[in-house]
Protein backbone atom coordinates (compact mmCIF):
# COMPACT_ATOMS: atom_id res chain seq x y z
CA MET A 1 -28.26 -26.29 -14.15
CA ASN A 2 -26.95 -25.37 -17.58
CA TRP A 3 -24.01 -23.08 -18.36
CA PHE A 4 -23.93 -19.96 -20.51
CA LEU A 5 -21.27 -18.07 -22.44
CA TYR A 6 -22.26 -14.44 -23.12
CA ILE A 7 -20.16 -12.65 -25.75
CA ILE A 8 -20.49 -8.91 -26.33
CA THR A 9 -20.72 -8.03 -30.04
CA GLN A 10 -21.23 -4.24 -29.77
CA ASP A 11 -19.52 -1.65 -27.56
CA PHE A 12 -21.85 0.02 -25.05
CA ILE A 13 -21.82 2.02 -21.83
CA ALA A 14 -23.12 0.08 -18.81
CA ASP A 15 -25.46 1.60 -16.22
CA ASP A 16 -22.50 2.17 -13.90
CA GLY A 17 -20.71 4.20 -16.62
CA LYS A 18 -18.18 1.49 -17.49
CA ARG A 19 -17.42 1.07 -21.19
CA VAL A 20 -18.00 -2.53 -22.28
CA LYS A 21 -16.15 -3.49 -25.45
CA ALA A 22 -17.04 -5.99 -28.16
CA GLY A 23 -15.27 -9.27 -27.52
CA GLU A 24 -15.67 -9.23 -23.74
CA ALA A 25 -17.37 -12.33 -22.37
CA GLY A 26 -18.87 -13.82 -19.26
CA VAL A 27 -19.80 -17.31 -18.10
CA GLY A 28 -22.10 -18.67 -15.47
CA GLN A 29 -24.90 -21.05 -14.60
CA CYS A 30 -28.51 -20.61 -15.66
CA SER A 31 -31.81 -22.45 -15.84
CA MET A 32 -32.46 -21.59 -19.50
CA ALA A 33 -32.80 -24.35 -22.10
CA PRO A 34 -29.72 -25.15 -24.24
CA GLY A 35 -29.36 -23.19 -27.46
CA ILE A 36 -28.10 -19.98 -29.01
CA SER A 37 -29.95 -16.71 -28.55
CA ASP A 38 -29.57 -13.03 -29.23
CA ALA A 39 -28.93 -11.03 -26.09
CA TYR A 40 -28.49 -7.37 -25.18
CA ASN A 41 -25.48 -6.18 -27.25
CA GLY A 42 -24.31 -9.74 -27.73
CA ILE A 43 -25.07 -13.40 -28.14
CA MET A 44 -25.59 -16.13 -25.57
CA TYR A 45 -24.66 -19.78 -25.94
CA ILE A 46 -26.24 -22.18 -23.44
CA VAL A 47 -25.04 -25.77 -23.02
CA PRO A 48 -26.08 -28.60 -20.69
CA HIS A 49 -23.91 -29.11 -17.61
CA ASN A 50 -22.68 -32.49 -18.85
CA TYR A 51 -20.96 -30.77 -21.82
CA ILE A 52 -18.78 -28.68 -19.50
CA LYS A 53 -15.35 -29.65 -18.24
CA ILE A 54 -14.35 -27.48 -15.28
CA ILE A 55 -10.72 -26.40 -15.28
CA ILE A 56 -8.89 -24.32 -12.73
CA ILE A 57 -6.90 -21.40 -14.12
CA LYS A 58 -4.29 -19.88 -11.85
CA PRO A 59 -2.74 -16.42 -12.32
CA GLU A 60 0.56 -18.03 -13.34
CA ASP A 61 -1.27 -19.72 -16.24
CA LYS A 62 -1.09 -16.44 -18.18
CA ASP A 63 -0.36 -18.23 -21.45
CA PHE A 64 -3.79 -19.84 -21.25
CA PHE A 65 -5.53 -16.64 -22.32
CA ILE A 66 -5.69 -15.47 -25.91
CA GLU A 67 -5.66 -11.72 -26.46
């Protein structure tokens, strides 16, 4: 399994009515080949699983996130 990073580049309204803003992102596993591709209102980066280092982020690690 490979991993993806999906970054929103344009604001849009989701099917459930939620406003999704540019800059929001999501990660997960996929079976797509590694590479960079255009995606719905964003861009998707896909990397092989051996390029990923899993880290555990706890709520008290608030300084980890960049706003």
